PDB file of all heavy atoms in Angstrom:
ATOM      1  N   ARG A   1      41.767 -23.913 -78.425  1.00  0.00           N
ATOM      2  CA  ARG A   1      42.724 -23.708 -79.508  1.00  0.00           C
ATOM      3  C   ARG A   1      42.015 -23.743 -80.853  1.00  0.00           C
ATOM      4  O   ARG A   1      41.235 -24.652 -81.131  1.00  0.00           O
ATOM      5  CB  ARG A   1      43.801 -24.809 -79.480  1.00  0.00           C
ATOM      6  CG  ARG A   1      44.788 -24.722 -80.638  1.00  0.00           C
ATOM      7  CD  ARG A   1      45.826 -25.831 -80.549  1.00  0.00           C
ATOM      8  NE  ARG A   1      45.262 -27.144 -80.812  1.00  0.00           N
ATOM      9  CZ  ARG A   1      45.148 -27.711 -82.005  1.00  0.00           C
ATOM     10  NH1 ARG A   1      45.529 -27.054 -83.090  1.00  0.00           N
ATOM     11  NH2 ARG A   1      44.649 -28.921 -82.127  1.00  0.00           N
ATOM     12  N   LEU A   2      42.304 -22.758 -81.687  1.00  0.00           N
ATOM     13  CA  LEU A   2      41.816 -22.804 -83.061  1.00  0.00           C
ATOM     14  C   LEU A   2      42.587 -23.869 -83.833  1.00  0.00           C
ATOM     15  O   LEU A   2      43.811 -23.967 -83.719  1.00  0.00           O
ATOM     16  CB  LEU A   2      42.005 -21.449 -83.741  1.00  0.00           C
ATOM     17  CG  LEU A   2      41.239 -20.260 -83.170  1.00  0.00           C
ATOM     18  CD1 LEU A   2      41.562 -19.008 -83.975  1.00  0.00           C
ATOM     19  CD2 LEU A   2      39.738 -20.514 -83.158  1.00  0.00           C
ATOM     20  N   GLY A   3      41.869 -24.659 -84.627  1.00  0.00           N
ATOM     21  CA  GLY A   3      42.538 -25.621 -85.489  1.00  0.00           C
ATOM     22  C   GLY A   3      43.522 -24.910 -86.392  1.00  0.00           C
ATOM     23  O   GLY A   3      43.204 -23.892 -86.999  1.00  0.00           O
ATOM     24  N   GLY A   4      44.756 -25.424 -86.476  1.00  0.00           N
ATOM     25  CA  GLY A   4      45.795 -24.783 -87.260  1.00  0.00           C
ATOM     26  C   GLY A   4      46.733 -23.918 -86.430  1.00  0.00           C
ATOM     27  O   GLY A   4      47.808 -23.543 -86.892  1.00  0.00           O
ATOM     28  N   ASN A   5      46.337 -23.619 -85.178  1.00  0.00           N
ATOM     29  CA  ASN A   5      47.208 -22.841 -84.298  1.00  0.00           C
ATOM     30  C   ASN A   5      48.191 -23.717 -83.526  1.00  0.00           C
ATOM     31  O   ASN A   5      49.114 -23.206 -82.910  1.00  0.00           O
ATOM     32  CB  ASN A   5      46.385 -22.022 -83.293  1.00  0.00           C
ATOM     33  CG  ASN A   5      46.079 -20.619 -83.791  1.00  0.00           C
ATOM     34  OD1 ASN A   5      46.448 -20.247 -84.907  1.00  0.00           O
ATOM     35  ND2 ASN A   5      45.402 -19.833 -82.971  1.00  0.00           N
ATOM     36  N   GLY A   6      48.000 -25.028 -83.550  1.00  0.00           N
ATOM     37  CA  GLY A   6      48.864 -25.907 -82.774  1.00  0.00           C
ATOM     38  C   GLY A   6      50.263 -26.018 -83.330  1.00  0.00           C
ATOM     39  O   GLY A   6      51.257 -25.816 -82.625  1.00  0.00           O
ATOM     40  N   VAL A   7      50.380 -26.357 -84.624  1.00  0.00           N
ATOM     41  CA  VAL A   7      51.718 -26.491 -85.211  1.00  0.00           C
ATOM     42  C   VAL A   7      52.375 -25.118 -85.341  1.00  0.00           C
ATOM     43  O   VAL A   7      53.600 -24.983 -85.249  1.00  0.00           O
ATOM     44  CB  VAL A   7      51.658 -27.239 -86.560  1.00  0.00           C
ATOM     45  CG1 VAL A   7      50.968 -26.428 -87.630  1.00  0.00           C
ATOM     46  CG2 VAL A   7      53.051 -27.640 -87.018  1.00  0.00           C
ATOM     47  N   ALA A   8      51.562 -24.071 -85.519  1.00  0.00           N
ATOM     48  CA  ALA A   8      52.119 -22.714 -85.512  1.00  0.00           C
ATOM     49  C   ALA A   8      52.731 -22.416 -84.148  1.00  0.00           C
ATOM     50  O   ALA A   8      53.838 -21.872 -84.039  1.00  0.00           O
ATOM     51  CB  ALA A   8      51.030 -21.699 -85.852  1.00  0.00           C
ATOM     52  N   ASN A   9      52.027 -22.780 -83.083  1.00  0.00           N
ATOM     53  CA  ASN A   9      52.524 -22.598 -81.724  1.00  0.00           C
ATOM     54  C   ASN A   9      53.872 -23.301 -81.536  1.00  0.00           C
ATOM     55  O   ASN A   9      54.839 -22.710 -81.036  1.00  0.00           O
ATOM     56  CB  ASN A   9      51.487 -23.152 -80.736  1.00  0.00           C
ATOM     57  CG  ASN A   9      51.957 -23.153 -79.295  1.00  0.00           C
ATOM     58  OD1 ASN A   9      52.781 -22.345 -78.883  1.00  0.00           O
ATOM     59  ND2 ASN A   9      51.430 -24.083 -78.522  1.00  0.00           N
ATOM     60  N   SER A  10      53.955 -24.554 -81.938  1.00  0.00           N
ATOM     61  CA  SER A  10      55.182 -25.329 -81.742  1.00  0.00           C
ATOM     62  C   SER A  10      56.366 -24.721 -82.472  1.00  0.00           C
ATOM     63  O   SER A  10      57.461 -24.572 -81.907  1.00  0.00           O
ATOM     64  CB  SER A  10      54.975 -26.771 -82.222  1.00  0.00           C
ATOM     65  OG  SER A  10      54.013 -27.428 -81.425  1.00  0.00           O
ATOM     66  N   THR A  11      56.162 -24.362 -83.748  1.00  0.00           N
ATOM     67  CA  THR A  11      57.299 -23.869 -84.526  1.00  0.00           C
ATOM     68  C   THR A  11      57.682 -22.444 -84.134  1.00  0.00           C
ATOM     69  O   THR A  11      58.867 -22.111 -84.083  1.00  0.00           O
ATOM     70  CB  THR A  11      56.987 -23.936 -86.032  1.00  0.00           C
ATOM     71  OG1 THR A  11      55.801 -23.187 -86.317  1.00  0.00           O
ATOM     72  CG2 THR A  11      56.789 -25.374 -86.482  1.00  0.00           C
ATOM     73  N   VAL A  12      56.689 -21.610 -83.828  1.00  0.00           N
ATOM     74  CA  VAL A  12      56.989 -20.235 -83.414  1.00  0.00           C
ATOM     75  C   VAL A  12      57.808 -20.231 -82.130  1.00  0.00           C
ATOM     76  O   VAL A  12      58.901 -19.642 -82.057  1.00  0.00           O
ATOM     77  CB  VAL A  12      55.695 -19.421 -83.229  1.00  0.00           C
ATOM     78  CG1 VAL A  12      55.963 -18.150 -82.414  1.00  0.00           C
ATOM     79  CG2 VAL A  12      55.104 -19.056 -84.585  1.00  0.00           C
ATOM     80  N   PHE A  13      57.310 -20.894 -81.109  1.00  0.00           N
ATOM     81  CA  PHE A  13      57.992 -20.835 -79.817  1.00  0.00           C
ATOM     82  C   PHE A  13      59.205 -21.759 -79.754  1.00  0.00           C
ATOM     83  O   PHE A  13      60.156 -21.485 -79.016  1.00  0.00           O
ATOM     84  CB  PHE A  13      56.999 -21.111 -78.691  1.00  0.00           C
ATOM     85  CG  PHE A  13      56.031 -19.980 -78.481  1.00  0.00           C
ATOM     86  CD1 PHE A  13      54.734 -20.047 -78.977  1.00  0.00           C
ATOM     87  CD2 PHE A  13      56.426 -18.832 -77.820  1.00  0.00           C
ATOM     88  CE1 PHE A  13      53.844 -18.994 -78.807  1.00  0.00           C
ATOM     89  CE2 PHE A  13      55.542 -17.768 -77.647  1.00  0.00           C
ATOM     90  CZ  PHE A  13      54.250 -17.852 -78.137  1.00  0.00           C
ATOM     91  N   GLY A  14      59.194 -22.840 -80.549  1.00  0.00           N
ATOM     92  CA  GLY A  14      60.397 -23.661 -80.622  1.00  0.00           C
ATOM     93  C   GLY A  14      61.583 -22.872 -81.153  1.00  0.00           C
ATOM     94  O   GLY A  14      62.697 -22.934 -80.620  1.00  0.00           O
ATOM     95  N   GLY A  15      61.331 -22.104 -82.218  1.00  0.00           N
ATOM     96  CA  GLY A  15      62.396 -21.277 -82.780  1.00  0.00           C
ATOM     97  C   GLY A  15      62.880 -20.225 -81.796  1.00  0.00           C
ATOM     98  O   GLY A  15      64.092 -19.989 -81.649  1.00  0.00           O
ATOM     99  N   ILE A  16      61.943 -19.587 -81.104  1.00  0.00           N
ATOM    100  CA  ILE A  16      62.318 -18.586 -80.106  1.00  0.00           C
ATOM    101  C   ILE A  16      63.158 -19.223 -79.009  1.00  0.00           C
ATOM    102  O   ILE A  16      64.189 -18.669 -78.582  1.00  0.00           O
ATOM    103  CB  ILE A  16      61.055 -17.924 -79.516  1.00  0.00           C
ATOM    104  CG1 ILE A  16      60.363 -17.056 -80.565  1.00  0.00           C
ATOM    105  CG2 ILE A  16      61.395 -17.104 -78.273  1.00  0.00           C
ATOM    106  CD1 ILE A  16      59.002 -16.529 -80.135  1.00  0.00           C
ATOM    107  N   ALA A  17      62.737 -20.394 -78.539  1.00  0.00           N
ATOM    108  CA  ALA A  17      63.474 -21.072 -77.469  1.00  0.00           C
ATOM    109  C   ALA A  17      64.907 -21.374 -77.894  1.00  0.00           C
ATOM    110  O   ALA A  17      65.852 -21.193 -77.111  1.00  0.00           O
ATOM    111  CB  ALA A  17      62.757 -22.371 -77.079  1.00  0.00           C
ATOM    112  N   GLY A  18      65.087 -21.835 -79.144  1.00  0.00           N
ATOM    113  CA  GLY A  18      66.436 -22.132 -79.620  1.00  0.00           C
ATOM    114  C   GLY A  18      67.319 -20.904 -79.630  1.00  0.00           C
ATOM    115  O   GLY A  18      68.482 -20.944 -79.193  1.00  0.00           O
ATOM    116  N   ASP A  19      66.775 -19.789 -80.119  1.00  0.00           N
ATOM    117  CA  ASP A  19      67.536 -18.540 -80.143  1.00  0.00           C
ATOM    118  C   ASP A  19      67.928 -18.098 -78.734  1.00  0.00           C
ATOM    119  O   ASP A  19      69.083 -17.733 -78.474  1.00  0.00           O
ATOM    120  CB  ASP A  19      66.707 -17.428 -80.796  1.00  0.00           C
ATOM    121  CG  ASP A  19      66.449 -17.668 -82.279  1.00  0.00           C
ATOM    122  OD1 ASP A  19      67.261 -18.367 -82.915  1.00  0.00           O
ATOM    123  OD2 ASP A  19      65.433 -17.164 -82.787  1.00  0.00           O
ATOM    124  N   VAL A  20      66.957 -18.131 -77.819  1.00  0.00           N
ATOM    125  CA  VAL A  20      67.185 -17.633 -76.460  1.00  0.00           C
ATOM    126  C   VAL A  20      68.144 -18.543 -75.699  1.00  0.00           C
ATOM    127  O   VAL A  20      69.068 -18.067 -75.011  1.00  0.00           O
ATOM    128  CB  VAL A  20      65.843 -17.491 -75.712  1.00  0.00           C
ATOM    129  CG1 VAL A  20      66.064 -17.155 -74.237  1.00  0.00           C
ATOM    130  CG2 VAL A  20      64.978 -16.418 -76.369  1.00  0.00           C
ATOM    131  N   MET A  21      67.960 -19.859 -75.804  1.00  0.00           N
ATOM    132  CA  MET A  21      68.834 -20.787 -75.079  1.00  0.00           C
ATOM    133  C   MET A  21      70.279 -20.675 -75.551  1.00  0.00           C
ATOM    134  O   MET A  21      71.216 -20.752 -74.743  1.00  0.00           O
ATOM    135  CB  MET A  21      68.331 -22.222 -75.235  1.00  0.00           C
ATOM    136  CG  MET A  21      67.062 -22.522 -74.479  1.00  0.00           C
ATOM    137  SD  MET A  21      66.649 -24.290 -74.451  1.00  0.00           S
ATOM    138  CE  MET A  21      66.464 -24.629 -76.195  1.00  0.00           C
ATOM    139  N   ALA A  22      70.470 -20.513 -76.853  1.00  0.00           N
ATOM    140  CA  ALA A  22      71.832 -20.429 -77.394  1.00  0.00           C
ATOM    141  C   ALA A  22      72.576 -19.230 -76.813  1.00  0.00           C
ATOM    142  O   ALA A  22      73.801 -19.289 -76.590  1.00  0.00           O
ATOM    143  CB  ALA A  22      71.792 -20.349 -78.911  1.00  0.00           C
ATOM    144  N   LYS A  23      71.875 -18.150 -76.579  1.00  0.00           N
ATOM    145  CA  LYS A  23      72.500 -16.974 -75.976  1.00  0.00           C
ATOM    146  C   LYS A  23      72.652 -17.141 -74.461  1.00  0.00           C
ATOM    147  O   LYS A  23      73.652 -16.738 -73.870  1.00  0.00           O
ATOM    148  CB  LYS A  23      71.665 -15.731 -76.291  1.00  0.00           C
ATOM    149  CG  LYS A  23      71.632 -15.411 -77.786  1.00  0.00           C
ATOM    150  CD  LYS A  23      70.635 -14.309 -78.114  1.00  0.00           C
ATOM    151  CE  LYS A  23      70.567 -14.066 -79.616  1.00  0.00           C
ATOM    152  NZ  LYS A  23      69.499 -13.089 -79.979  1.00  0.00           N
ATOM    153  N   TRP A  24      71.666 -17.769 -73.849  1.00  0.00           N
ATOM    154  CA  TRP A  24      71.673 -17.980 -72.395  1.00  0.00           C
ATOM    155  C   TRP A  24      72.881 -18.794 -71.949  1.00  0.00           C
ATOM    156  O   TRP A  24      73.555 -18.446 -70.976  1.00  0.00           O
ATOM    157  CB  TRP A  24      70.361 -18.656 -71.982  1.00  0.00           C
ATOM    158  CG  TRP A  24      70.380 -19.392 -70.676  1.00  0.00           C
ATOM    159  CD1 TRP A  24      70.727 -20.692 -70.466  1.00  0.00           C
ATOM    160  CD2 TRP A  24      70.029 -18.879 -69.375  1.00  0.00           C
ATOM    161  NE1 TRP A  24      70.617 -21.034 -69.143  1.00  0.00           N
ATOM    162  CE2 TRP A  24      70.190 -19.933 -68.454  1.00  0.00           C
ATOM    163  CE3 TRP A  24      69.592 -17.636 -68.924  1.00  0.00           C
ATOM    164  CZ2 TRP A  24      69.925 -19.793 -67.086  1.00  0.00           C
ATOM    165  CZ3 TRP A  24      69.329 -17.489 -67.563  1.00  0.00           C
ATOM    166  CH2 TRP A  24      69.495 -18.548 -66.667  1.00  0.00           C
ATOM    167  N   VAL A  25      73.175 -19.886 -72.655  1.00  0.00           N
ATOM    168  CA  VAL A  25      74.207 -20.814 -72.171  1.00  0.00           C
ATOM    169  C   VAL A  25      75.619 -20.248 -72.272  1.00  0.00           C
ATOM    170  O   VAL A  25      76.532 -20.764 -71.625  1.00  0.00           O
ATOM    171  CB  VAL A  25      74.139 -22.160 -72.928  1.00  0.00           C
ATOM    172  CG1 VAL A  25      72.793 -22.825 -72.710  1.00  0.00           C
ATOM    173  CG2 VAL A  25      74.420 -21.997 -74.414  1.00  0.00           C
ATOM    174  N   THR A  26      75.811 -19.186 -73.053  1.00  0.00           N
ATOM    175  CA  THR A  26      77.168 -18.634 -73.181  1.00  0.00           C
ATOM    176  C   THR A  26      77.675 -18.068 -71.866  1.00  0.00           C
ATOM    177  O   THR A  26      78.893 -17.952 -71.664  1.00  0.00           O
ATOM    178  CB  THR A  26      77.198 -17.531 -74.256  1.00  0.00           C
ATOM    179  OG1 THR A  26      76.260 -16.504 -73.912  1.00  0.00           O
ATOM    180  CG2 THR A  26      76.855 -18.099 -75.627  1.00  0.00           C
ATOM    181  N   ASN A  27      76.762 -17.731 -70.962  1.00  0.00           N
ATOM    182  CA  ASN A  27      77.158 -17.178 -69.667  1.00  0.00           C
ATOM    183  C   ASN A  27      76.933 -18.159 -68.521  1.00  0.00           C
ATOM    184  O   ASN A  27      76.931 -17.763 -67.355  1.00  0.00           O
ATOM    185  CB  ASN A  27      76.371 -15.886 -69.382  1.00  0.00           C
ATOM    186  CG  ASN A  27      76.643 -14.811 -70.410  1.00  0.00           C
ATOM    187  OD1 ASN A  27      77.791 -14.584 -70.777  1.00  0.00           O
ATOM    188  ND2 ASN A  27      75.587 -14.147 -70.878  1.00  0.00           N
ATOM    189  N   GLN A  28      76.731 -19.444 -68.867  1.00  0.00           N
ATOM    190  CA  GLN A  28      76.418 -20.439 -67.840  1.00  0.00           C
ATOM    191  C   GLN A  28      77.493 -21.524 -67.782  1.00  0.00           C
ATOM    192  O   GLN A  28      78.213 -21.761 -68.757  1.00  0.00           O
ATOM    193  CB  GLN A  28      75.056 -21.100 -68.133  1.00  0.00           C
ATOM    194  CG  GLN A  28      73.907 -20.128 -68.293  1.00  0.00           C
ATOM    195  CD  GLN A  28      73.629 -19.312 -67.059  1.00  0.00           C
ATOM    196  OE1 GLN A  28      73.651 -19.830 -65.940  1.00  0.00           O
ATOM    197  NE2 GLN A  28      73.365 -18.027 -67.253  1.00  0.00           N
ATOM    198  N   THR A  29      77.561 -22.163 -66.634  1.00  0.00           N
ATOM    199  CA  THR A  29      78.403 -23.350 -66.472  1.00  0.00           C
ATOM    200  C   THR A  29      77.512 -24.504 -66.037  1.00  0.00           C
ATOM    201  O   THR A  29      76.382 -24.293 -65.562  1.00  0.00           O
ATOM    202  CB  THR A  29      79.497 -23.118 -65.421  1.00  0.00           C
ATOM    203  OG1 THR A  29      78.870 -22.750 -64.170  1.00  0.00           O
ATOM    204  CG2 THR A  29      80.455 -22.018 -65.858  1.00  0.00           C
ATOM    205  N   LEU A  30      78.012 -25.722 -66.181  1.00  0.00           N
ATOM    206  CA  LEU A  30      77.256 -26.879 -65.719  1.00  0.00           C
ATOM    207  C   LEU A  30      77.223 -26.875 -64.198  1.00  0.00           C
ATOM    208  O   LEU A  30      78.275 -26.909 -63.543  1.00  0.00           O
ATOM    209  CB  LEU A  30      77.888 -28.175 -66.226  1.00  0.00           C
ATOM    210  CG  LEU A  30      77.724 -28.486 -67.717  1.00  0.00           C
ATOM    211  CD1 LEU A  30      78.563 -29.704 -68.091  1.00  0.00           C
ATOM    212  CD2 LEU A  30      76.262 -28.722 -68.062  1.00  0.00           C
TER     213      LEU A  30
END
């Protein structure tokens, strides 16, 4: 890992995960 790519990794993919999960759960049940 290049120094400085770690927090970029977390925020980039964290944001993507939030967007995708929010859409995913609309068609799901527990």
